[in-house]
Amino acid sequence: MTIPEGLDPSVQKREIVFEADVRGVTPFLKLATVTRNGGGHMTFACDEGPSLGGLDSAPTPLMYFSAALAF
């Protein structure tokens, strides 16, 4: 059985680099494209609610942060 690189106990050092390119669509609506080690990418949208002047069209930055802590 082949051990996945991320679980190989003989690896003593890893470097993971994330890069984020963020574009403002409206004052509070942002689109972020994040890449890992120059490879695959994922695009996220975030917005604020109407009480802060946003459109409530996507999760707030704090929602993403809270979810990241839970993972």
PDB file of N, CA and C in Angstrom:
ATOM      1  N   MET A   1       0.840  -1.184   0.000  1.00  0.00           N
ATOM      2  CA  MET A   1       0.000   0.000   0.000  1.00  0.00           C
ATOM      3  C   MET A   1       0.886   1.248   0.000  1.00  0.00           C
ATOM      4  N   THR A   2       0.563   2.197  -0.821  1.00  0.00           N
ATOM      5  CA  THR A   2       1.313   3.445  -0.900  1.00  0.00           C
ATOM      6  C   THR A   2       0.791   4.428   0.138  1.00  0.00           C
ATOM      7  N   ILE A   3       1.721   5.024   0.888  1.00  0.00           N
ATOM      8  CA  ILE A   3       1.350   6.019   1.906  1.00  0.00           C
ATOM      9  C   ILE A   3       1.225   7.380   1.223  1.00  0.00           C
ATOM     10  N   PRO A   4       0.091   8.079   1.394  1.00  0.00           N
ATOM     11  CA  PRO A   4      -0.031   9.425   0.823  1.00  0.00           C
ATOM     12  C   PRO A   4       1.054  10.343   1.369  1.00  0.00           C
ATOM     13  N   GLU A   5       1.570  11.221   0.526  1.00  0.00           N
ATOM     14  CA  GLU A   5       2.663  12.111   0.914  1.00  0.00           C
ATOM     15  C   GLU A   5       2.374  12.861   2.216  1.00  0.00           C
ATOM     16  N   GLY A   6       1.140  13.309   2.393  1.00  0.00           N
ATOM     17  CA  GLY A   6       0.793  14.076   3.588  1.00  0.00           C
ATOM     18  C   GLY A   6       0.803  13.264   4.869  1.00  0.00           C
ATOM     19  N   LEU A   7       0.816  11.920   4.761  1.00  0.00           N
ATOM     20  CA  LEU A   7       0.804  11.064   5.946  1.00  0.00           C
ATOM     21  C   LEU A   7       2.111  10.296   6.128  1.00  0.00           C
ATOM     22  N   ASP A   8       3.091  10.523   5.261  1.00  0.00           N
ATOM     23  CA  ASP A   8       4.365   9.805   5.321  1.00  0.00           C
ATOM     24  C   ASP A   8       5.153  10.252   6.551  1.00  0.00           C
ATOM     25  N   PRO A   9       5.381   9.363   7.533  1.00  0.00           N
ATOM     26  CA  PRO A   9       6.080   9.751   8.762  1.00  0.00           C
ATOM     27  C   PRO A   9       7.552  10.070   8.553  1.00  0.00           C
ATOM     28  N   SER A  10       8.122   9.699   7.421  1.00  0.00           N
ATOM     29  CA  SER A  10       9.536   9.993   7.189  1.00  0.00           C
ATOM     30  C   SER A  10       9.760  11.433   6.722  1.00  0.00           C
ATOM     31  N   VAL A  11       8.695  12.114   6.307  1.00  0.00           N
ATOM     32  CA  VAL A  11       8.808  13.513   5.892  1.00  0.00           C
ATOM     33  C   VAL A  11       8.885  14.364   7.151  1.00  0.00           C
ATOM     34  N   GLN A  12       9.970  15.133   7.276  1.00  0.00           N
ATOM     35  CA  GLN A  12      10.177  15.926   8.491  1.00  0.00           C
ATOM     36  C   GLN A  12       9.866  17.405   8.315  1.00  0.00           C
ATOM     37  N   LYS A  13       9.694  17.839   7.077  1.00  0.00           N
ATOM     38  CA  LYS A  13       9.406  19.249   6.839  1.00  0.00           C
ATOM     39  C   LYS A  13       8.511  19.363   5.620  1.00  0.00           C
ATOM     40  N   ARG A  14       7.526  20.252   5.708  1.00  0.00           N
ATOM     41  CA  ARG A  14       6.635  20.528   4.583  1.00  0.00           C
ATOM     42  C   ARG A  14       6.491  22.032   4.428  1.00  0.00           C
ATOM     43  N   GLU A  15       6.385  22.480   3.216  1.00  0.00           N
ATOM     44  CA  GLU A  15       6.119  23.890   2.963  1.00  0.00           C
ATOM     45  C   GLU A  15       4.879  23.981   2.091  1.00  0.00           C
ATOM     46  N   ILE A  16       3.890  24.671   2.593  1.00  0.00           N
ATOM     47  CA  ILE A  16       2.649  24.866   1.847  1.00  0.00           C
ATOM     48  C   ILE A  16       2.456  26.363   1.678  1.00  0.00           C
ATOM     49  N   VAL A  17       2.306  26.791   0.449  1.00  0.00           N
ATOM     50  CA  VAL A  17       2.163  28.214   0.152  1.00  0.00           C
ATOM     51  C   VAL A  17       0.781  28.450  -0.454  1.00  0.00           C
ATOM     52  N   PHE A  18       0.029  29.349   0.160  1.00  0.00           N
ATOM     53  CA  PHE A  18      -1.266  29.763  -0.361  1.00  0.00           C
ATOM     54  C   PHE A  18      -1.129  31.187  -0.888  1.00  0.00           C
ATOM     55  N   GLU A  19      -1.713  31.441  -2.050  1.00  0.00           N
ATOM     56  CA  GLU A  19      -1.759  32.798  -2.589  1.00  0.00           C
ATOM     57  C   GLU A  19      -3.216  33.152  -2.840  1.00  0.00           C
ATOM     58  N   ALA A  20      -3.583  34.376  -2.479  1.00  0.00           N
ATOM     59  CA  ALA A  20      -4.966  34.825  -2.662  1.00  0.00           C
ATOM     60  C   ALA A  20      -4.986  36.081  -3.523  1.00  0.00           C
ATOM     61  N   ASP A  21      -5.833  36.065  -4.517  1.00  0.00           N
ATOM     62  CA  ASP A  21      -6.064  37.224  -5.372  1.00  0.00           C
ATOM     63  C   ASP A  21      -7.500  37.675  -5.097  1.00  0.00           C
ATOM     64  N   VAL A  22      -7.661  38.864  -4.535  1.00  0.00           N
ATOM     65  CA  VAL A  22      -8.985  39.344  -4.131  1.00  0.00           C
ATOM     66  C   VAL A  22      -9.388  40.532  -5.001  1.00  0.00           C
ATOM     67  N   ARG A  23     -10.645  40.480  -5.470  1.00  0.00           N
ATOM     68  CA  ARG A  23     -11.172  41.541  -6.326  1.00  0.00           C
ATOM     69  C   ARG A  23     -12.452  42.077  -5.694  1.00  0.00           C
ATOM     70  N   GLY A  24     -12.532  43.375  -5.559  1.00  0.00           N
ATOM     71  CA  GLY A  24     -13.735  44.013  -5.042  1.00  0.00           C
ATOM     72  C   GLY A  24     -14.768  44.162  -6.141  1.00  0.00           C
ATOM     73  N   VAL A  25     -15.992  43.718  -5.893  1.00  0.00           N
ATOM     74  CA  VAL A  25     -17.077  43.841  -6.860  1.00  0.00           C
ATOM     75  C   VAL A  25     -17.954  45.039  -6.488  1.00  0.00           C
ATOM     76  N   THR A  26     -18.289  45.137  -5.212  1.00  0.00           N
ATOM     77  CA  THR A  26     -18.984  46.293  -4.653  1.00  0.00           C
ATOM     78  C   THR A  26     -18.184  46.671  -3.407  1.00  0.00           C
ATOM     79  N   PRO A  27     -18.581  47.712  -2.694  1.00  0.00           N
ATOM     80  CA  PRO A  27     -17.802  48.059  -1.500  1.00  0.00           C
ATOM     81  C   PRO A  27     -17.626  46.902  -0.502  1.00  0.00           C
ATOM     82  N   PHE A  28     -18.597  45.976  -0.409  1.00  0.00           N
ATOM     83  CA  PHE A  28     -18.470  44.880   0.551  1.00  0.00           C
ATOM     84  C   PHE A  28     -18.421  43.500  -0.084  1.00  0.00           C
ATOM     85  N   LEU A  29     -18.833  43.365  -1.328  1.00  0.00           N
ATOM     86  CA  LEU A  29     -18.795  42.072  -2.011  1.00  0.00           C
ATOM     87  C   LEU A  29     -17.408  41.879  -2.613  1.00  0.00           C
ATOM     88  N   LYS A  30     -16.730  40.803  -2.215  1.00  0.00           N
ATOM     89  CA  LYS A  30     -15.387  40.504  -2.697  1.00  0.00           C
ATOM     90  C   LYS A  30     -15.351  39.092  -3.258  1.00  0.00           C
ATOM     91  N   LEU A  31     -14.521  38.872  -4.273  1.00  0.00           N
ATOM     92  CA  LEU A  31     -14.253  37.550  -4.815  1.00  0.00           C
ATOM     93  C   LEU A  31     -12.776  37.249  -4.599  1.00  0.00           C
ATOM     94  N   ALA A  32     -12.490  36.137  -3.980  1.00  0.00           N
ATOM     95  CA  ALA A  32     -11.106  35.733  -3.708  1.00  0.00           C
ATOM     96  C   ALA A  32     -10.837  34.403  -4.399  1.00  0.00           C
ATOM     97  N   THR A  33      -9.755  34.354  -5.173  1.00  0.00           N
ATOM     98  CA  THR A  33      -9.307  33.101  -5.766  1.00  0.00           C
ATOM     99  C   THR A  33      -8.018  32.710  -5.056  1.00  0.00           C
ATOM    100  N   VAL A  34      -8.034  31.525  -4.451  1.00  0.00           N
ATOM    101  CA  VAL A  34      -6.907  31.051  -3.654  1.00  0.00           C
ATOM    102  C   VAL A  34      -6.282  29.850  -4.345  1.00  0.00           C
ATOM    103  N   THR A  35      -4.937  29.879  -4.471  1.00  0.00           N
ATOM    104  CA  THR A  35      -4.211  28.743  -5.029  1.00  0.00           C
ATOM    105  C   THR A  35      -3.274  28.185  -3.966  1.00  0.00           C
ATOM    106  N   ARG A  36      -2.983  26.891  -4.079  1.00  0.00           N
ATOM    107  CA  ARG A  36      -2.072  26.244  -3.129  1.00  0.00           C
ATOM    108  C   ARG A  36      -0.887  25.690  -3.906  1.00  0.00           C
ATOM    109  N   ASN A  37       0.300  26.118  -3.518  1.00  0.00           N
ATOM    110  CA  ASN A  37       1.544  25.674  -4.151  1.00  0.00           C
ATOM    111  C   ASN A  37       1.496  25.824  -5.670  1.00  0.00           C
ATOM    112  N   GLY A  38       0.850  26.886  -6.145  1.00  0.00           N
ATOM    113  CA  GLY A  38       0.790  27.158  -7.567  1.00  0.00           C
ATOM    114  C   GLY A  38      -0.123  26.231  -8.346  1.00  0.00           C
ATOM    115  N   GLY A  39      -0.801  25.323  -7.662  1.00  0.00           N
ATOM    116  CA  GLY A  39      -1.650  24.344  -8.334  1.00  0.00           C
ATOM    117  C   GLY A  39      -3.099  24.741  -8.325  1.00  0.00           C
ATOM    118  N   GLY A  40      -3.955  23.772  -8.017  1.00  0.00           N
ATOM    119  CA  GLY A  40      -5.402  23.966  -8.044  1.00  0.00           C
ATOM    120  C   GLY A  40      -5.860  25.219  -7.332  1.00  0.00           C
ATOM    121  N   HIS A  41      -7.040  25.652  -7.667  1.00  0.00           N
ATOM    122  CA  HIS A  41      -7.555  26.890  -7.089  1.00  0.00           C
ATOM    123  C   HIS A  41      -9.015  26.727  -6.677  1.00  0.00           C
ATOM    124  N   MET A  42      -9.458  27.650  -5.842  1.00  0.00           N
ATOM    125  CA  MET A  42     -10.841  27.702  -5.387  1.00  0.00           C
ATOM    126  C   MET A  42     -11.210  29.184  -5.312  1.00  0.00           C
ATOM    127  N   THR A  43     -12.442  29.508  -5.730  1.00  0.00           N
ATOM    128  CA  THR A  43     -12.903  30.892  -5.673  1.00  0.00           C
ATOM    129  C   THR A  43     -14.019  31.016  -4.644  1.00  0.00           C
ATOM    130  N   PHE A  44     -13.916  32.051  -3.810  1.00  0.00           N
ATOM    131  CA  PHE A  44     -14.868  32.309  -2.739  1.00  0.00           C
ATOM    132  C   PHE A  44     -15.448  33.701  -2.908  1.00  0.00           C
ATOM    133  N   ALA A  45     -16.689  33.859  -2.512  1.00  0.00           N
ATOM    134  CA  ALA A  45     -17.317  35.187  -2.470  1.00  0.00           C
ATOM    135  C   ALA A  45     -17.648  35.493  -1.016  1.00  0.00           C
ATOM    136  N   CYS A  46     -17.490  36.739  -0.613  1.00  0.00           N
ATOM    137  CA  CYS A  46     -17.937  37.147   0.720  1.00  0.00           C
ATOM    138  C   CYS A  46     -18.607  38.512   0.598  1.00  0.00           C
ATOM    139  N   ASP A  47     -19.528  38.760   1.513  1.00  0.00           N
ATOM    140  CA  ASP A  47     -20.289  40.008   1.509  1.00  0.00           C
ATOM    141  C   ASP A  47     -20.704  40.284   2.952  1.00  0.00           C
ATOM    142  N   GLU A  48     -21.171  41.446   3.209  1.00  0.00           N
ATOM    143  CA  GLU A  48     -21.723  41.805   4.511  1.00  0.00           C
ATOM    144  C   GLU A  48     -23.231  41.937   4.376  1.00  0.00           C
ATOM    145  N   GLY A  49     -23.911  41.951   5.505  1.00  0.00           N
ATOM    146  CA  GLY A  49     -25.361  42.117   5.523  1.00  0.00           C
ATOM    147  C   GLY A  49     -25.765  43.562   5.307  1.00  0.00           C
ATOM    148  N   PRO A  50     -27.046  43.786   5.076  1.00  0.00           N
ATOM    149  CA  PRO A  50     -27.554  45.142   4.843  1.00  0.00           C
ATOM    150  C   PRO A  50     -27.281  46.102   5.998  1.00  0.00           C
ATOM    151  N   SER A  51     -27.214  45.590   7.224  1.00  0.00           N
ATOM    152  CA  SER A  51     -26.969  46.479   8.369  1.00  0.00           C
ATOM    153  C   SER A  51     -25.593  47.142   8.297  1.00  0.00           C
ATOM    154  N   LEU A  52     -24.681  46.556   7.519  1.00  0.00           N
ATOM    155  CA  LEU A  52     -23.345  47.146   7.339  1.00  0.00           C
ATOM    156  C   LEU A  52     -23.160  47.735   5.945  1.00  0.00           C
ATOM    157  N   GLY A  53     -24.219  47.736   5.132  1.00  0.00           N
ATOM    158  CA  GLY A  53     -24.131  48.305   3.797  1.00  0.00           C
ATOM    159  C   GLY A  53     -23.884  47.294   2.698  1.00  0.00           C
ATOM    160  N   GLY A  54     -23.852  46.008   3.033  1.00  0.00           N
ATOM    161  CA  GLY A  54     -23.652  44.973   2.026  1.00  0.00           C
ATOM    162  C   GLY A  54     -24.960  44.514   1.411  1.00  0.00           C
ATOM    163  N   LEU A  55     -24.849  43.533   0.516  1.00  0.00           N
ATOM    164  CA  LEU A  55     -26.024  43.003  -0.182  1.00  0.00           C
ATOM    165  C   LEU A  55     -26.524  41.689   0.421  1.00  0.00           C
ATOM    166  N   ASP A  56     -25.786  41.128   1.366  1.00  0.00           N
ATOM    167  CA  ASP A  56     -26.131  39.840   1.984  1.00  0.00           C
ATOM    168  C   ASP A  56     -26.191  38.732   0.928  1.00  0.00           C
ATOM    169  N   SER A  57     -25.301  38.807  -0.079  1.00  0.00           N
ATOM    170  CA  SER A  57     -25.326  37.869  -1.198  1.00  0.00           C
ATOM    171  C   SER A  57     -24.379  36.684  -1.032  1.00  0.00           C
ATOM    172  N   ALA A  58     -23.579  36.683   0.030  1.00  0.00           N
ATOM    173  CA  ALA A  58     -22.616  35.610   0.261  1.00  0.00           C
ATOM    174  C   ALA A  58     -22.286  35.596   1.750  1.00  0.00           C
ATOM    175  N   PRO A  59     -21.629  34.541   2.246  1.00  0.00           N
ATOM    176  CA  PRO A  59     -21.247  34.526   3.652  1.00  0.00           C
ATOM    177  C   PRO A  59     -20.333  35.706   3.992  1.00  0.00           C
ATOM    178  N   THR A  60     -20.400  36.123   5.247  1.00  0.00           N
ATOM    179  CA  THR A  60     -19.533  37.215   5.705  1.00  0.00           C
ATOM    180  C   THR A  60     -18.127  36.675   5.960  1.00  0.00           C
ATOM    181  N   PRO A  61     -17.108  37.548   5.982  1.00  0.00           N
ATOM    182  CA  PRO A  61     -15.756  37.087   6.295  1.00  0.00           C
ATOM    183  C   PRO A  61     -15.691  36.366   7.646  1.00  0.00           C
ATOM    184  N   LEU A  62     -16.447  36.857   8.635  1.00  0.00           N
ATOM    185  CA  LEU A  62     -16.436  36.223   9.946  1.00  0.00           C
ATOM    186  C   LEU A  62     -17.041  34.814   9.912  1.00  0.00           C
ATOM    187  N   MET A  63     -18.001  34.587   9.028  1.00  0.00           N
ATOM    188  CA  MET A  63     -18.554  33.240   8.868  1.00  0.00           C
ATOM    189  C   MET A  63     -17.489  32.282   8.338  1.00  0.00           C
ATOM    190  N   TYR A  64     -16.722  32.726   7.340  1.00  0.00           N
ATOM    191  CA  TYR A  64     -15.624  31.888   6.824  1.00  0.00           C
ATOM    192  C   TYR A  64     -14.595  31.606   7.916  1.00  0.00           C
ATOM    193  N   PHE A  65     -14.248  32.645   8.672  1.00  0.00           N
ATOM    194  CA  PHE A  65     -13.274  32.493   9.751  1.00  0.00           C
ATOM    195  C   PHE A  65     -13.774  31.501  10.793  1.00  0.00           C
ATOM    196  N   SER A  66     -15.037  31.625  11.192  1.00  0.00           N
ATOM    197  CA  SER A  66     -15.620  30.715  12.187  1.00  0.00           C
ATOM    198  C   SER A  66     -15.614  29.273  11.693  1.00  0.00           C
ATOM    199  N   ALA A  67     -15.955  29.084  10.431  1.00  0.00           N
ATOM    200  CA  ALA A  67     -15.952  27.731   9.855  1.00  0.00           C
ATOM    201  C   ALA A  67     -14.533  27.173   9.827  1.00  0.00           C
ATOM    202  N   ALA A  68     -13.567  28.005   9.482  1.00  0.00           N
ATOM    203  CA  ALA A  68     -12.175  27.540   9.439  1.00  0.00           C
ATOM    204  C   ALA A  68     -11.709  27.074  10.811  1.00  0.00           C
ATOM    205  N   LEU A  69     -12.095  27.773  11.854  1.00  0.00           N
ATOM    206  CA  LEU A  69     -11.735  27.351  13.209  1.00  0.00           C
ATOM    207  C   LEU A  69     -12.391  26.020  13.563  1.00  0.00           C
ATOM    208  N   ALA A  70     -13.602  25.802  13.091  1.00  0.00           N
ATOM    209  CA  ALA A  70     -14.318  24.565  13.397  1.00  0.00           C
ATOM    210  C   ALA A  70     -13.722  23.367  12.658  1.00  0.00           C
ATOM    211  N   PHE A  71     -13.116  23.607  11.485  1.00  0.00           N
ATOM    212  CA  PHE A  71     -12.521  22.500  10.741  1.00  0.00           C
ATOM    213  C   PHE A  71     -11.277  22.025  11.432  1.00  0.00           C
TER     214      PHE A  71
END
